[in-house]
Amino acid sequence: SVLQYLGIDITDKRYELPVNEEARKWTETFLHEKGIKGQNIVAIHPGASVTEKLWRSERFAAIIDYLYGKGFCPILVEGPGDNAIADEICSHCKNDIVRLKTSLLNVIAFFEICSLVICLDSAASHFASAVNTPAIALYGPQWPPRSPCWITRQIPSSCPSCSSWLITCWLNGGGRSRRGGG
């Protein structure tokens, strides 16, 4: 590659995104106001840039209910134009779910304190990776590209059964434990 030719090391392919301190303070306030500071938070981002990438709302609701049943605190993160799909997801959930709709800088700071981000093939997976938070990215209708984000962050390589059910794989020991804001 051109970078190698110029003597630039390209072996480290980690993403790194500095997080705004004001956004971190916003996140702390959000956690405190919602009464979820210190909980094991999983961000659920259902939005995508094109409708072909969208997942059915009842599937997101099933994941949210599953996470609640395992003691996690799922938070529905809405992007611009995600209000209708978020409403639909909430209508299928057995539990009330906290919703987050804010600026991109605040979302990135929020992802930083999450134990996991579950999203579609969207920028959310890259933002999660850039703040060192594991992500499960749901791709469709095509198999995902082999990006550094996918390889290093999305699926824990230590779990032999992750191809069968990604959420179960992560929750049964493949992931990390990080308490939101605590």
Protein backbone atom coordinates (compact mmCIF):
# COMPACT_ATOMS: atom_id res chain seq x y z
CA SER A 1 0.00 0.00 0.00
CA VAL A 2 0.98 3.64 -0.29
CA LEU A 3 1.21 3.99 3.49
CA GLN A 4 3.62 1.07 3.78
CA TYR A 5 5.70 2.52 0.95
CA LEU A 6 5.95 5.75 2.95
CA GLY A 7 7.16 3.82 5.98
CA ILE A 8 3.94 4.18 7.96
CA ASP A 9 3.03 1.20 10.15
CA ILE A 10 -0.42 -0.11 9.23
CA THR A 11 -0.55 -3.18 11.50
CA ASP A 12 -2.59 -1.42 14.19
CA LYS A 13 -6.09 -1.08 12.74
CA ARG A 14 -7.94 -0.01 15.87
CA TYR A 15 -10.32 2.89 15.62
CA GLU A 16 -9.95 5.63 18.20
CA LEU A 17 -12.35 8.50 18.70
CA PRO A 18 -11.82 11.14 21.38
CA VAL A 19 -14.90 11.68 23.50
CA ASN A 20 -16.02 15.21 24.31
CA GLU A 21 -15.89 15.94 28.07
CA GLU A 22 -19.14 17.92 27.89
CA ALA A 23 -20.80 14.88 26.31
CA ARG A 24 -19.49 12.68 29.12
CA LYS A 25 -21.10 15.06 31.63
CA TRP A 26 -24.35 14.91 29.66
CA THR A 27 -24.21 11.10 29.83
CA GLU A 28 -23.67 11.17 33.61
CA THR A 29 -26.68 13.47 33.99
CA PHE A 30 -28.82 11.24 31.72
CA LEU A 31 -27.91 8.12 33.74
CA HIS A 32 -28.67 9.90 37.02
CA GLU A 33 -32.00 11.34 35.82
CA LYS A 34 -33.16 7.95 34.50
CA GLY A 35 -32.03 6.16 37.68
CA ILE A 36 -29.75 3.78 35.79
CA LYS A 37 -26.29 4.89 36.89
CA GLY A 38 -24.17 1.87 37.77
CA GLN A 39 -26.30 -0.62 35.83
CA ASN A 40 -24.99 -2.96 33.14
CA ILE A 41 -26.21 -1.02 30.08
CA VAL A 42 -26.72 -2.40 26.59
CA ALA A 43 -27.45 0.15 23.86
CA ILE A 44 -29.89 -0.95 21.18
CA HIS A 45 -29.71 1.14 18.00
CA PRO A 46 -32.37 -0.01 15.47
CA GLY A 47 -31.75 2.58 12.74
CA ALA A 48 -30.08 2.25 9.37
CA SER A 49 -29.49 4.48 6.38
CA VAL A 50 -31.62 2.36 4.02
CA THR A 51 -34.74 0.26 4.61
CA GLU A 52 -33.06 -2.89 3.24
CA LYS A 53 -30.88 -2.98 6.36
CA LEU A 54 -33.75 -2.69 8.86
CA TRP A 55 -34.64 -5.54 11.19
CA ARG A 56 -38.20 -6.38 12.31
CA SER A 57 -39.29 -4.50 15.42
CA GLU A 58 -40.55 -7.62 17.20
CA ARG A 59 -37.02 -9.09 16.96
CA PHE A 60 -35.54 -6.04 18.65
CA ALA A 61 -38.28 -6.29 21.28
CA ALA A 62 -37.38 -9.95 21.88
CA ILE A 63 -33.73 -8.99 22.41
CA ILE A 64 -34.73 -6.20 24.79
CA ASP A 65 -36.96 -8.53 26.83
CA TYR A 66 -34.21 -11.17 26.87
CA LEU A 67 -31.69 -8.63 28.16
CA TYR A 68 -34.08 -7.51 30.91
CA GLY A 69 -34.52 -11.15 31.90
CA LYS A 70 -30.75 -11.53 32.24
CA GLY A 71 -30.44 -8.45 34.48
CA PHE A 72 -29.16 -6.00 31.87
CA CYS A 73 -30.47 -2.49 31.30
CA PRO A 74 -31.25 -2.08 27.59
CA ILE A 75 -31.52 1.48 26.30
CA LEU A 76 -33.11 2.21 22.93
CA VAL A 77 -30.92 4.73 21.09
CA GLU A 78 -32.73 6.65 18.37
CA GLY A 79 -31.14 8.45 15.47
CA PRO A 80 -32.80 11.05 13.25
CA GLY A 81 -35.90 9.53 11.69
CA ASP A 82 -35.99 6.49 14.02
CA ASN A 83 -39.04 7.59 16.02
CA ALA A 84 -41.55 5.35 14.21
CA ILE A 85 -39.42 2.20 14.46
CA ALA A 86 -38.63 2.98 18.12
CA ASP A 87 -42.35 3.38 18.88
CA GLU A 88 -43.04 0.08 17.16
CA ILE A 89 -40.29 -1.71 19.09
CA CYS A 90 -41.61 -0.33 22.38
CA SER A 91 -45.13 -1.51 21.50
CA HIS A 92 -43.82 -5.11 21.30
CA CYS A 93 -41.74 -4.99 24.52
CA LYS A 94 -43.00 -6.60 27.71
CA ASN A 95 -40.97 -4.09 29.74
CA ASP A 96 -40.80 -0.32 29.70
CA ILE A 97 -37.64 0.79 27.97
CA VAL A 98 -35.62 3.94 28.40
CA ARG A 99 -35.19 5.80 25.12
CA LEU A 100 -32.29 8.05 24.24
CA LYS A 101 -32.49 10.64 21.50
CA THR A 102 -29.73 13.24 21.55
CA SER A 103 -26.80 14.62 19.60
CA LEU A 104 -24.19 12.42 17.95
CA LEU A 105 -21.51 13.61 20.40
CA ASN A 106 -23.68 12.54 23.34
CA VAL A 107 -24.45 9.16 21.75
CA ILE A 108 -20.74 8.47 21.31
CA ALA A 109 -20.11 9.33 24.98
CA PHE A 110 -23.06 7.12 25.94
CA PHE A 111 -21.66 4.20 23.92
CA GLU A 112 -18.42 4.59 25.85
CA ILE A 113 -20.08 3.58 29.14
CA CYS A 114 -22.11 0.69 27.67
CA SER A 115 -21.23 -2.96 28.14
CA LEU A 116 -22.44 -3.71 24.61
CA VAL A 117 -24.02 -2.02 21.59
CA ILE A 118 -26.47 -3.99 19.45
CA CYS A 119 -27.11 -2.35 16.10
CA LEU A 120 -27.60 -2.87 12.41
CA ASP A 121 -25.05 -2.38 9.67
CA SER A 122 -24.68 1.30 10.50
CA ALA A 123 -22.28 3.90 11.83
CA ALA A 124 -23.23 2.85 15.38
CA SER A 125 -21.01 -0.25 15.15
CA HIS A 126 -18.05 1.90 14.13
CA PHE A 127 -18.70 4.44 16.90
CA ALA A 128 -18.86 1.60 19.46
CA SER A 129 -15.60 0.17 18.21
CA ALA A 130 -13.96 3.60 18.26
CA VAL A 131 -14.72 3.98 21.99
CA ASN A 132 -13.68 0.37 22.71
CA THR A 133 -17.18 -0.97 23.38
CA PRO A 134 -18.08 -4.39 21.95
CA ALA A 135 -20.86 -4.39 19.38
CA ILE A 136 -23.07 -6.95 17.75
CA ALA A 137 -23.88 -5.67 14.28
CA LEU A 138 -26.78 -7.32 12.48
CA TYR A 139 -26.09 -7.44 8.76
CA GLY A 140 -28.45 -8.15 5.95
CA PRO A 141 -29.26 -9.03 3.34
CA GLN A 142 -25.56 -9.62 2.56
CA TRP A 143 -22.69 -10.93 4.68
CA PRO A 144 -20.68 -8.11 6.29
CA PRO A 145 -17.46 -6.85 4.83
CA ARG A 146 -14.30 -7.91 6.65
CA SER A 147 -13.69 -4.59 8.34
CA PRO A 148 -11.42 -4.20 11.39
CA CYS A 149 -14.50 -3.19 13.35
CA TRP A 150 -16.22 -6.52 12.60
CA ILE A 151 -13.20 -8.68 13.19
CA THR A 152 -11.97 -7.14 16.43
CA ARG A 153 -15.11 -5.96 18.17
CA GLN A 154 -18.30 -7.53 16.98
CA ILE A 155 -18.03 -11.22 17.86
CA PRO A 156 -15.91 -12.62 20.70
CA SER A 157 -13.60 -15.18 19.07
CA SER A 158 -13.37 -17.28 22.25
CA CYS A 159 -16.95 -18.57 22.01
CA PRO A 160 -17.43 -21.67 19.84
CA SER A 161 -21.20 -21.21 19.47
CA CYS A 162 -21.40 -17.54 18.47
CA SER A 163 -22.67 -18.35 14.98
CA SER A 164 -25.84 -19.88 16.42
CA TRP A 165 -27.04 -17.03 18.67
CA LEU A 166 -24.89 -13.95 19.08
CA ILE A 167 -26.69 -12.46 22.08
CA THR A 168 -26.55 -15.69 24.08
CA CYS A 169 -22.88 -16.07 23.16
CA TRP A 170 -22.03 -12.64 24.48
CA LEU A 171 -24.16 -12.88 27.60
CA ASN A 172 -22.83 -16.32 28.54
CA GLY A 173 -19.29 -15.17 29.14
CA GLY A 174 -17.92 -13.89 25.87
CA GLY A 175 -18.34 -10.21 26.75
CA ARG A 176 -17.01 -7.79 29.29
CA SER A 177 -18.69 -6.30 32.28
CA ARG A 178 -18.74 -2.53 32.45
CA ARG A 179 -21.14 -0.69 34.70
CA GLY A 180 -22.64 2.47 33.23
CA GLY A 181 -21.18 5.56 34.83
CA GLY A 182 -20.06 3.71 37.93
